PDB file of N, CA and C in Angstrom:
ATOM      1  N   MET A   1       7.502 -18.145  -3.693  1.00  0.00           N
ATOM      2  CA  MET A   1       6.956 -17.609  -2.460  1.00  0.00           C
ATOM      3  C   MET A   1       6.021 -18.656  -1.840  1.00  0.00           C
ATOM      4  N   LYS A   2       6.138 -18.850  -0.547  1.00  0.00           N
ATOM      5  CA  LYS A   2       5.295 -19.808   0.174  1.00  0.00           C
ATOM      6  C   LYS A   2       3.816 -19.400   0.057  1.00  0.00           C
ATOM      7  N   PRO A   3       2.893 -20.369   0.206  1.00  0.00           N
ATOM      8  CA  PRO A   3       1.470 -20.016   0.208  1.00  0.00           C
ATOM      9  C   PRO A   3       1.224 -18.934   1.257  1.00  0.00           C
ATOM     10  N   ASN A   4       0.435 -17.917   0.882  1.00  0.00           N
ATOM     11  CA  ASN A   4       0.265 -16.786   1.793  1.00  0.00           C
ATOM     12  C   ASN A   4      -1.089 -16.125   1.621  1.00  0.00           C
ATOM     13  N   ILE A   5      -1.457 -15.336   2.638  1.00  0.00           N
ATOM     14  CA  ILE A   5      -2.725 -14.609   2.623  1.00  0.00           C
ATOM     15  C   ILE A   5      -2.625 -13.448   3.611  1.00  0.00           C
ATOM     16  N   ASP A   6      -3.365 -12.401   3.334  1.00  0.00           N
ATOM     17  CA  ASP A   6      -3.445 -11.272   4.247  1.00  0.00           C
ATOM     18  C   ASP A   6      -4.031 -11.757   5.578  1.00  0.00           C
ATOM     19  N   PHE A   7      -3.387 -11.420   6.680  1.00  0.00           N
ATOM     20  CA  PHE A   7      -3.809 -11.917   7.991  1.00  0.00           C
ATOM     21  C   PHE A   7      -5.237 -11.490   8.328  1.00  0.00           C
ATOM     22  N   LYS A   8      -5.606 -10.249   8.042  1.00  0.00           N
ATOM     23  CA  LYS A   8      -6.967  -9.782   8.354  1.00  0.00           C
ATOM     24  C   LYS A   8      -8.012 -10.565   7.568  1.00  0.00           C
ATOM     25  N   ARG A   9      -7.721 -10.858   6.311  1.00  0.00           N
ATOM     26  CA  ARG A   9      -8.645 -11.638   5.481  1.00  0.00           C
ATOM     27  C   ARG A   9      -8.804 -13.058   6.029  1.00  0.00           C
ATOM     28  N   LEU A  10      -7.675 -13.668   6.398  1.00  0.00           N
ATOM     29  CA  LEU A  10      -7.704 -15.013   6.963  1.00  0.00           C
ATOM     30  C   LEU A  10      -8.503 -15.028   8.262  1.00  0.00           C
ATOM     31  N   LYS A  11      -8.253 -14.061   9.125  1.00  0.00           N
ATOM     32  CA  LYS A  11      -8.932 -13.985  10.419  1.00  0.00           C
ATOM     33  C   LYS A  11     -10.445 -13.839  10.231  1.00  0.00           C
ATOM     34  N   ALA A  12     -10.877 -12.994   9.311  1.00  0.00           N
ATOM     35  CA  ALA A  12     -12.307 -12.809   9.042  1.00  0.00           C
ATOM     36  C   ALA A  12     -12.934 -14.102   8.521  1.00  0.00           C
ATOM     37  N   TYR A  13     -12.232 -14.803   7.651  1.00  0.00           N
ATOM     38  CA  TYR A  13     -12.730 -16.066   7.101  1.00  0.00           C
ATOM     39  C   TYR A  13     -12.922 -17.102   8.210  1.00  0.00           C
ATOM     40  N   ILE A  14     -11.936 -17.221   9.072  1.00  0.00           N
ATOM     41  CA  ILE A  14     -11.993 -18.204  10.155  1.00  0.00           C
ATOM     42  C   ILE A  14     -13.110 -17.871  11.138  1.00  0.00           C
ATOM     43  N   GLN A  15     -13.303 -16.584  11.434  1.00  0.00           N
ATOM     44  CA  GLN A  15     -14.376 -16.187  12.344  1.00  0.00           C
ATOM     45  C   GLN A  15     -15.749 -16.531  11.775  1.00  0.00           C
ATOM     46  N   ALA A  16     -15.879 -16.556  10.456  1.00  0.00           N
ATOM     47  CA  ALA A  16     -17.155 -16.842   9.807  1.00  0.00           C
ATOM     48  C   ALA A  16     -17.360 -18.325   9.519  1.00  0.00           C
ATOM     49  N   ASN A  17     -16.335 -19.139   9.730  1.00  0.00           N
ATOM     50  CA  ASN A  17     -16.409 -20.552   9.359  1.00  0.00           C
ATOM     51  C   ASN A  17     -16.071 -21.410  10.579  1.00  0.00           C
ATOM     52  N   GLY A  18     -17.060 -22.085  11.121  1.00  0.00           N
ATOM     53  CA  GLY A  18     -16.890 -22.861  12.346  1.00  0.00           C
ATOM     54  C   GLY A  18     -16.000 -24.085  12.238  1.00  0.00           C
ATOM     55  N   SER A  19     -15.624 -24.486  11.037  1.00  0.00           N
ATOM     56  CA  SER A  19     -14.748 -25.649  10.887  1.00  0.00           C
ATOM     57  C   SER A  19     -13.287 -25.311  11.154  1.00  0.00           C
ATOM     58  N   TYR A  20     -12.985 -24.026  11.242  1.00  0.00           N
ATOM     59  CA  TYR A  20     -11.607 -23.566  11.419  1.00  0.00           C
ATOM     60  C   TYR A  20     -11.436 -22.892  12.768  1.00  0.00           C
ATOM     61  N   SER A  21     -10.204 -22.943  13.293  1.00  0.00           N
ATOM     62  CA  SER A  21      -9.852 -22.141  14.459  1.00  0.00           C
ATOM     63  C   SER A  21      -8.451 -21.586  14.240  1.00  0.00           C
ATOM     64  N   LEU A  22      -8.175 -20.490  14.918  1.00  0.00           N
ATOM     65  CA  LEU A  22      -6.923 -19.767  14.728  1.00  0.00           C
ATOM     66  C   LEU A  22      -6.202 -19.639  16.063  1.00  0.00           C
ATOM     67  N   VAL A  23      -4.906 -19.946  16.055  1.00  0.00           N
ATOM     68  CA  VAL A  23      -4.054 -19.764  17.226  1.00  0.00           C
ATOM     69  C   VAL A  23      -2.924 -18.840  16.801  1.00  0.00           C
ATOM     70  N   VAL A  24      -2.749 -17.745  17.537  1.00  0.00           N
ATOM     71  CA  VAL A  24      -1.682 -16.785  17.236  1.00  0.00           C
ATOM     72  C   VAL A  24      -0.809 -16.649  18.470  1.00  0.00           C
ATOM     73  N   LYS A  25       0.487 -16.863  18.283  1.00  0.00           N
ATOM     74  CA  LYS A  25       1.480 -16.720  19.353  1.00  0.00           C
ATOM     75  C   LYS A  25       2.594 -15.835  18.815  1.00  0.00           C
ATOM     76  N   GLY A  26       2.489 -14.535  19.095  1.00  0.00           N
ATOM     77  CA  GLY A  26       3.455 -13.600  18.520  1.00  0.00           C
ATOM     78  C   GLY A  26       3.288 -13.546  17.012  1.00  0.00           C
ATOM     79  N   ASP A  27       4.344 -13.864  16.271  1.00  0.00           N
ATOM     80  CA  ASP A  27       4.280 -13.894  14.803  1.00  0.00           C
ATOM     81  C   ASP A  27       3.943 -15.279  14.260  1.00  0.00           C
ATOM     82  N   ASP A  28       3.799 -16.263  15.146  1.00  0.00           N
ATOM     83  CA  ASP A  28       3.477 -17.628  14.724  1.00  0.00           C
ATOM     84  C   ASP A  28       1.967 -17.812  14.653  1.00  0.00           C
ATOM     85  N   VAL A  29       1.527 -18.493  13.606  1.00  0.00           N
ATOM     86  CA  VAL A  29       0.105 -18.719  13.361  1.00  0.00           C
ATOM     87  C   VAL A  29      -0.129 -20.203  13.147  1.00  0.00           C
ATOM     88  N   GLU A  30      -1.217 -20.698  13.727  1.00  0.00           N
ATOM     89  CA  GLU A  30      -1.692 -22.048  13.453  1.00  0.00           C
ATOM     90  C   GLU A  30      -3.153 -21.943  13.028  1.00  0.00           C
ATOM     91  N   VAL A  31      -3.475 -22.559  11.907  1.00  0.00           N
ATOM     92  CA  VAL A  31      -4.865 -22.662  11.465  1.00  0.00           C
ATOM     93  C   VAL A  31      -5.246 -24.129  11.603  1.00  0.00           C
ATOM     94  N   HIS A  32      -6.253 -24.401  12.436  1.00  0.00           N
ATOM     95  CA  HIS A  32      -6.725 -25.764  12.664  1.00  0.00           C
ATOM     96  C   HIS A  32      -8.024 -25.962  11.889  1.00  0.00           C
ATOM     97  N   PHE A  33      -8.121 -27.118  11.222  1.00  0.00           N
ATOM     98  CA  PHE A  33      -9.311 -27.435  10.435  1.00  0.00           C
ATOM     99  C   PHE A  33      -9.653 -28.904  10.648  1.00  0.00           C
ATOM    100  N   SER A  34     -10.913 -29.155  10.987  1.00  0.00           N
ATOM    101  CA  SER A  34     -11.417 -30.523  11.112  1.00  0.00           C
ATOM    102  C   SER A  34     -12.630 -30.666  10.215  1.00  0.00           C
ATOM    103  N   PRO A  35     -12.508 -31.457   9.150  1.00  0.00           N
ATOM    104  CA  PRO A  35     -13.662 -31.633   8.268  1.00  0.00           C
ATOM    105  C   PRO A  35     -14.775 -32.362   9.017  1.00  0.00           C
ATOM    106  N   ASN A  36     -15.854 -31.646   9.294  1.00  0.00           N
ATOM    107  CA  ASN A  36     -16.943 -32.232  10.083  1.00  0.00           C
ATOM    108  C   ASN A  36     -18.264 -32.205   9.326  1.00  0.00           C
ATOM    109  N   PHE A  37     -18.187 -32.247   8.018  1.00  0.00           N
ATOM    110  CA  PHE A  37     -19.405 -32.247   7.222  1.00  0.00           C
ATOM    111  C   PHE A  37     -19.673 -33.675   6.742  1.00  0.00           C
ATOM    112  N   PRO A  38     -20.944 -34.051   6.549  1.00  0.00           N
ATOM    113  CA  PRO A  38     -21.310 -35.442   6.262  1.00  0.00           C
ATOM    114  C   PRO A  38     -20.591 -36.063   5.069  1.00  0.00           C
ATOM    115  N   GLU A  39     -20.373 -35.304   4.017  1.00  0.00           N
ATOM    116  CA  GLU A  39     -19.728 -35.885   2.832  1.00  0.00           C
ATOM    117  C   GLU A  39     -18.255 -36.212   3.058  1.00  0.00           C
ATOM    118  N   ALA A  40     -17.655 -35.704   4.129  1.00  0.00           N
ATOM    119  CA  ALA A  40     -16.244 -36.004   4.430  1.00  0.00           C
ATOM    120  C   ALA A  40     -16.085 -37.330   5.167  1.00  0.00           C
ATOM    121  N   ILE A  41     -17.098 -37.731   5.917  1.00  0.00           N
ATOM    122  CA  ILE A  41     -16.995 -38.904   6.793  1.00  0.00           C
ATOM    123  C   ILE A  41     -16.507 -40.161   6.059  1.00  0.00           C
ATOM    124  N   PRO A  42     -17.049 -40.514   4.888  1.00  0.00           N
ATOM    125  CA  PRO A  42     -16.579 -41.746   4.227  1.00  0.00           C
ATOM    126  C   PRO A  42     -15.103 -41.697   3.813  1.00  0.00           C
ATOM    127  N   HIS A  43     -14.532 -40.513   3.745  1.00  0.00           N
ATOM    128  CA  HIS A  43     -13.144 -40.371   3.307  1.00  0.00           C
ATOM    129  C   HIS A  43     -12.158 -40.325   4.472  1.00  0.00           C
ATOM    130  N   LEU A  44     -12.655 -40.331   5.695  1.00  0.00           N
ATOM    131  CA  LEU A  44     -11.790 -40.250   6.861  1.00  0.00           C
ATOM    132  C   LEU A  44     -11.265 -41.639   7.217  1.00  0.00           C
ATOM    133  N   PRO A  45     -10.003 -41.735   7.628  1.00  0.00           N
ATOM    134  CA  PRO A  45      -9.467 -43.051   8.009  1.00  0.00           C
ATOM    135  C   PRO A  45     -10.236 -43.616   9.197  1.00  0.00           C
ATOM    136  N   ASP A  46     -10.716 -44.836   9.029  1.00  0.00           N
ATOM    137  CA  ASP A  46     -11.482 -45.527  10.077  1.00  0.00           C
ATOM    138  C   ASP A  46     -12.729 -44.751  10.498  1.00  0.00           C
ATOM    139  N   ASN A  47     -13.203 -43.839   9.650  1.00  0.00           N
ATOM    140  CA  ASN A  47     -14.367 -42.992   9.933  1.00  0.00           C
ATOM    141  C   ASN A  47     -14.202 -42.194  11.224  1.00  0.00           C
ATOM    142  N   LEU A  48     -12.974 -41.899  11.595  1.00  0.00           N
ATOM    143  CA  LEU A  48     -12.676 -41.131  12.806  1.00  0.00           C
ATOM    144  C   LEU A  48     -12.229 -39.723  12.423  1.00  0.00           C
ATOM    145  N   PRO A  49     -12.415 -38.767  13.337  1.00  0.00           N
ATOM    146  CA  PRO A  49     -12.049 -37.378  13.036  1.00  0.00           C
ATOM    147  C   PRO A  49     -10.574 -37.213  12.659  1.00  0.00           C
ATOM    148  N   VAL A  50     -10.351 -36.236  11.819  1.00  0.00           N
ATOM    149  CA  VAL A  50      -9.018 -35.857  11.364  1.00  0.00           C
ATOM    150  C   VAL A  50      -8.849 -34.378  11.675  1.00  0.00           C
ATOM    151  N   GLU A  51      -7.636 -33.989  12.055  1.00  0.00           N
ATOM    152  CA  GLU A  51      -7.354 -32.568  12.246  1.00  0.00           C
ATOM    153  C   GLU A  51      -6.191 -32.182  11.345  1.00  0.00           C
ATOM    154  N   HIS A  52      -6.372 -31.092  10.616  1.00  0.00           N
ATOM    155  CA  HIS A  52      -5.308 -30.522   9.796  1.00  0.00           C
ATOM    156  C   HIS A  52      -4.840 -29.248  10.495  1.00  0.00           C
ATOM    157  N   ILE A  53      -3.542 -29.076  10.569  1.00  0.00           N
ATOM    158  CA  ILE A  53      -2.978 -27.864  11.166  1.00  0.00           C
ATOM    159  C   ILE A  53      -2.003 -27.258  10.171  1.00  0.00           C
ATOM    160  N   MET A  54      -2.234 -25.991   9.857  1.00  0.00           N
ATOM    161  CA  MET A  54      -1.359 -25.260   8.938  1.00  0.00           C
ATOM    162  C   MET A  54      -0.553 -24.266   9.760  1.00  0.00           C
ATOM    163  N   TYR A  55       0.755 -24.320   9.637  1.00  0.00           N
ATOM    164  CA  TYR A  55       1.650 -23.459  10.415  1.00  0.00           C
ATOM    165  C   TYR A  55       2.188 -22.349   9.527  1.00  0.00           C
ATOM    166  N   GLY A  56       2.206 -21.130  10.063  1.00  0.00           N
ATOM    167  CA  GLY A  56       2.720 -20.008   9.296  1.00  0.00           C
ATOM    168  C   GLY A  56       3.339 -18.952  10.194  1.00  0.00           C
ATOM    169  N   LYS A  57       3.902 -17.955   9.542  1.00  0.00           N
ATOM    170  CA  LYS A  57       4.492 -16.801  10.230  1.00  0.00           C
ATOM    171  C   LYS A  57       3.909 -15.542   9.609  1.00  0.00           C
ATOM    172  N   ILE A  58       3.628 -14.549  10.472  1.00  0.00           N
ATOM    173  CA  ILE A  58       3.132 -13.257   9.992  1.00  0.00           C
ATOM    174  C   ILE A  58       4.329 -12.351   9.731  1.00  0.00           C
ATOM    175  N   GLN A  59       4.364 -11.792   8.522  1.00  0.00           N
ATOM    176  CA  GLN A  59       5.387 -10.817   8.155  1.00  0.00           C
ATOM    177  C   GLN A  59       4.701  -9.674   7.416  1.00  0.00           C
ATOM    178  N   ASN A  60       4.765  -8.472   7.985  1.00  0.00           N
ATOM    179  CA  ASN A  60       4.147  -7.289   7.370  1.00  0.00           C
ATOM    180  C   ASN A  60       2.670  -7.501   7.054  1.00  0.00           C
ATOM    181  N   GLY A  61       1.942  -8.151   7.970  1.00  0.00           N
ATOM    182  CA  GLY A  61       0.499  -8.336   7.802  1.00  0.00           C
ATOM    183  C   GLY A  61       0.104  -9.492   6.900  1.00  0.00           C
ATOM    184  N   ILE A  62       1.070 -10.237   6.399  1.00  0.00           N
ATOM    185  CA  ILE A  62       0.806 -11.384   5.524  1.00  0.00           C
ATOM    186  C   ILE A  62       1.234 -12.651   6.257  1.00  0.00           C
ATOM    187  N   VAL A  63       0.392 -13.698   6.201  1.00  0.00           N
ATOM    188  CA  VAL A  63       0.759 -14.991   6.781  1.00  0.00           C
ATOM    189  C   VAL A  63       1.377 -15.841   5.673  1.00  0.00           C
ATOM    190  N   TYR A  64       2.589 -16.304   5.914  1.00  0.00           N
ATOM    191  CA  TYR A  64       3.289 -17.211   5.007  1.00  0.00           C
ATOM    192  C   TYR A  64       3.301 -18.587   5.658  1.00  0.00           C
ATOM    193  N   PHE A  65       2.650 -19.553   5.004  1.00  0.00           N
ATOM    194  CA  PHE A  65       2.548 -20.899   5.554  1.00  0.00           C
ATOM    195  C   PHE A  65       3.741 -21.743   5.120  1.00  0.00           C
ATOM    196  N   TYR A  66       4.262 -22.524   6.074  1.00  0.00           N
ATOM    197  CA  TYR A  66       5.445 -23.335   5.778  1.00  0.00           C
ATOM    198  C   TYR A  66       5.252 -24.829   6.064  1.00  0.00           C
ATOM    199  N   ARG A  67       4.171 -25.204   6.771  1.00  0.00           N
ATOM    200  CA  ARG A  67       3.964 -26.624   7.074  1.00  0.00           C
ATOM    201  C   ARG A  67       2.476 -26.939   7.158  1.00  0.00           C
ATOM    202  N   PHE A  68       2.123 -28.142   6.673  1.00  0.00           N
ATOM    203  CA  PHE A  68       0.758 -28.659   6.732  1.00  0.00           C
ATOM    204  C   PHE A  68       0.839 -30.011   7.436  1.00  0.00           C
ATOM    205  N   GLU A  69       0.127 -30.137   8.555  1.00  0.00           N
ATOM    206  CA  GLU A  69       0.193 -31.350   9.373  1.00  0.00           C
ATOM    207  C   GLU A  69      -1.187 -31.984   9.450  1.00  0.00           C
ATOM    208  N   THR A  70      -1.238 -33.308   9.443  1.00  0.00           N
ATOM    209  CA  THR A  70      -2.492 -34.041   9.587  1.00  0.00           C
ATOM    210  C   THR A  70      -2.365 -35.007  10.758  1.00  0.00           C
ATOM    211  N   ILE A  71      -3.345 -34.968  11.639  1.00  0.00           N
ATOM    212  CA  ILE A  71      -3.411 -35.886  12.768  1.00  0.00           C
ATOM    213  C   ILE A  71      -4.651 -36.749  12.574  1.00  0.00           C
ATOM    214  N   SER A  72      -4.445 -38.058  12.482  1.00  0.00           N
ATOM    215  CA  SER A  72      -5.557 -38.983  12.246  1.00  0.00           C
ATOM    216  C   SER A  72      -5.298 -40.286  12.989  1.00  0.00           C
ATOM    217  N   SER A  73      -6.185 -41.243  12.784  1.00  0.00           N
ATOM    218  CA  SER A  73      -6.006 -42.555  13.416  1.00  0.00           C
ATOM    219  C   SER A  73      -4.747 -43.253  12.891  1.00  0.00           C
ATOM    220  N   PHE A  74      -4.199 -42.778  11.790  1.00  0.00           N
ATOM    221  CA  PHE A  74      -2.954 -43.333  11.243  1.00  0.00           C
ATOM    222  C   PHE A  74      -1.725 -42.731  11.917  1.00  0.00           C
ATOM    223  N   GLY A  75      -1.924 -41.688  12.722  1.00  0.00           N
ATOM    224  CA  GLY A  75      -0.808 -40.996  13.361  1.00  0.00           C
ATOM    225  C   GLY A  75      -0.705 -39.573  12.831  1.00  0.00           C
ATOM    226  N   THR A  76       0.463 -38.983  12.963  1.00  0.00           N
ATOM    227  CA  THR A  76       0.702 -37.610  12.522  1.00  0.00           C
ATOM    228  C   THR A  76       1.640 -37.613  11.325  1.00  0.00           C
ATOM    229  N   THR A  77       1.236 -36.902  10.287  1.00  0.00           N
ATOM    230  CA  THR A  77       2.082 -36.730   9.106  1.00  0.00           C
ATOM    231  C   THR A  77       2.154 -35.240   8.800  1.00  0.00           C
ATOM    232  N   TYR A  78       3.178 -34.835   8.080  1.00  0.00           N
ATOM    233  CA  TYR A  78       3.278 -33.428   7.708  1.00  0.00           C
ATOM    234  C   TYR A  78       3.991 -33.269   6.372  1.00  0.00           C
ATOM    235  N   ASN A  79       3.723 -32.125   5.763  1.00  0.00           N
ATOM    236  CA  ASN A  79       4.401 -31.712   4.532  1.00  0.00           C
ATOM    237  C   ASN A  79       4.986 -30.335   4.774  1.00  0.00           C
ATOM    238  N   ASP A  80       6.264 -30.167   4.480  1.00  0.00           N
ATOM    239  CA  ASP A  80       6.835 -28.828   4.439  1.00  0.00           C
ATOM    240  C   ASP A  80       6.416 -28.229   3.108  1.00  0.00           C
ATOM    241  N   LEU A  81       5.779 -27.080   3.159  1.00  0.00           N
ATOM    242  CA  LEU A  81       5.176 -26.497   1.960  1.00  0.00           C
ATOM    243  C   LEU A  81       6.215 -25.858   1.047  1.00  0.00           C
ATOM    244  N   THR A  82       5.964 -26.008  -0.241  1.00  0.00           N
ATOM    245  CA  THR A  82       6.798 -25.389  -1.265  1.00  0.00           C
ATOM    246  C   THR A  82       6.045 -24.206  -1.855  1.00  0.00           C
ATOM    247  N   ASP A  83       6.692 -23.483  -2.722  1.00  0.00           N
ATOM    248  CA  ASP A  83       6.040 -22.360  -3.385  1.00  0.00           C
ATOM    249  C   ASP A  83       4.812 -22.854  -4.139  1.00  0.00           C
ATOM    250  N   ASP A  84       3.695 -22.150  -3.961  1.00  0.00           N
ATOM    251  CA  ASP A  84       2.428 -22.488  -4.632  1.00  0.00           C
ATOM    252  C   ASP A  84       2.049 -23.952  -4.468  1.00  0.00           C
ATOM    253  N   ASP A  85       2.212 -24.478  -3.274  1.00  0.00           N
ATOM    254  CA  ASP A  85       1.889 -25.869  -2.986  1.00  0.00           C
ATOM    255  C   ASP A  85       0.400 -26.108  -3.188  1.00  0.00           C
ATOM    256  N   PRO A  86       0.010 -27.120  -3.975  1.00  0.00           N
ATOM    257  CA  PRO A  86      -1.410 -27.362  -4.258  1.00  0.00           C
ATOM    258  C   PRO A  86      -2.246 -27.666  -3.009  1.00  0.00           C
ATOM    259  N   ILE A  87      -1.633 -28.150  -1.952  1.00  0.00           N
ATOM    260  CA  ILE A  87      -2.374 -28.468  -0.731  1.00  0.00           C
ATOM    261  C   ILE A  87      -2.978 -27.209  -0.101  1.00  0.00           C
ATOM    262  N   MET A  88      -2.435 -26.055  -0.454  1.00  0.00           N
ATOM    263  CA  MET A  88      -2.923 -24.784   0.098  1.00  0.00           C
ATOM    264  C   MET A  88      -3.705 -23.978  -0.943  1.00  0.00           C
ATOM    265  N   GLU A  89      -4.143 -24.603  -1.986  1.00  0.00           N
ATOM    266  CA  GLU A  89      -4.890 -23.948  -3.052  1.00  0.00           C
ATOM    267  C   GLU A  89      -6.137 -23.214  -2.521  1.00  0.00           C
ATOM    268  N   TRP A  90      -6.721 -23.712  -1.444  1.00  0.00           N
ATOM    269  CA  TRP A  90      -7.955 -23.145  -0.887  1.00  0.00           C
ATOM    270  C   TRP A  90      -7.788 -21.668  -0.501  1.00  0.00           C
ATOM    271  N   LEU A  91      -6.565 -21.239  -0.207  1.00  0.00           N
ATOM    272  CA  LEU A  91      -6.335 -19.833   0.163  1.00  0.00           C
ATOM    273  C   LEU A  91      -6.738 -18.869  -0.946  1.00  0.00           C
ATOM    274  N   LYS A  92      -6.655 -19.313  -2.184  1.00  0.00           N
ATOM    275  CA  LYS A  92      -6.977 -18.452  -3.322  1.00  0.00           C
ATOM    276  C   LYS A  92      -8.455 -18.102  -3.394  1.00  0.00           C
ATOM    277  N   TYR A  93      -9.286 -18.866  -2.681  1.00  0.00           N
ATOM    278  CA  TYR A  93     -10.730 -18.671  -2.757  1.00  0.00           C
ATOM    279  C   TYR A  93     -11.312 -17.911  -1.584  1.00  0.00           C
ATOM    280  N   ILE A  94     -10.451 -17.408  -0.716  1.00  0.00           N
ATOM    281  CA  ILE A  94     -10.915 -16.628   0.431  1.00  0.00           C
ATOM    282  C   ILE A  94     -11.051 -15.173   0.020  1.00  0.00           C
TER     283      ILE A  94
END
């Protein structure tokens, strides 16, 4: 099963955390995250901002994520997510 989370839980988390934003278009979901905390800066390419976008679909109140995209000074890269993909481990802590 693809990485997933209850939509209401995800929405509440994003509303409480200013580093994230949520875009919903019908059943399509995008979670945008830009690490903007001081300890992240040395790890960013060229010390420039990075944006991560997680793409998912809502089915029966659950968001199933299928792609993780990164936009940085290196360009745009993405991973199509697999079952229990470690890149989405953070969902378990919401």
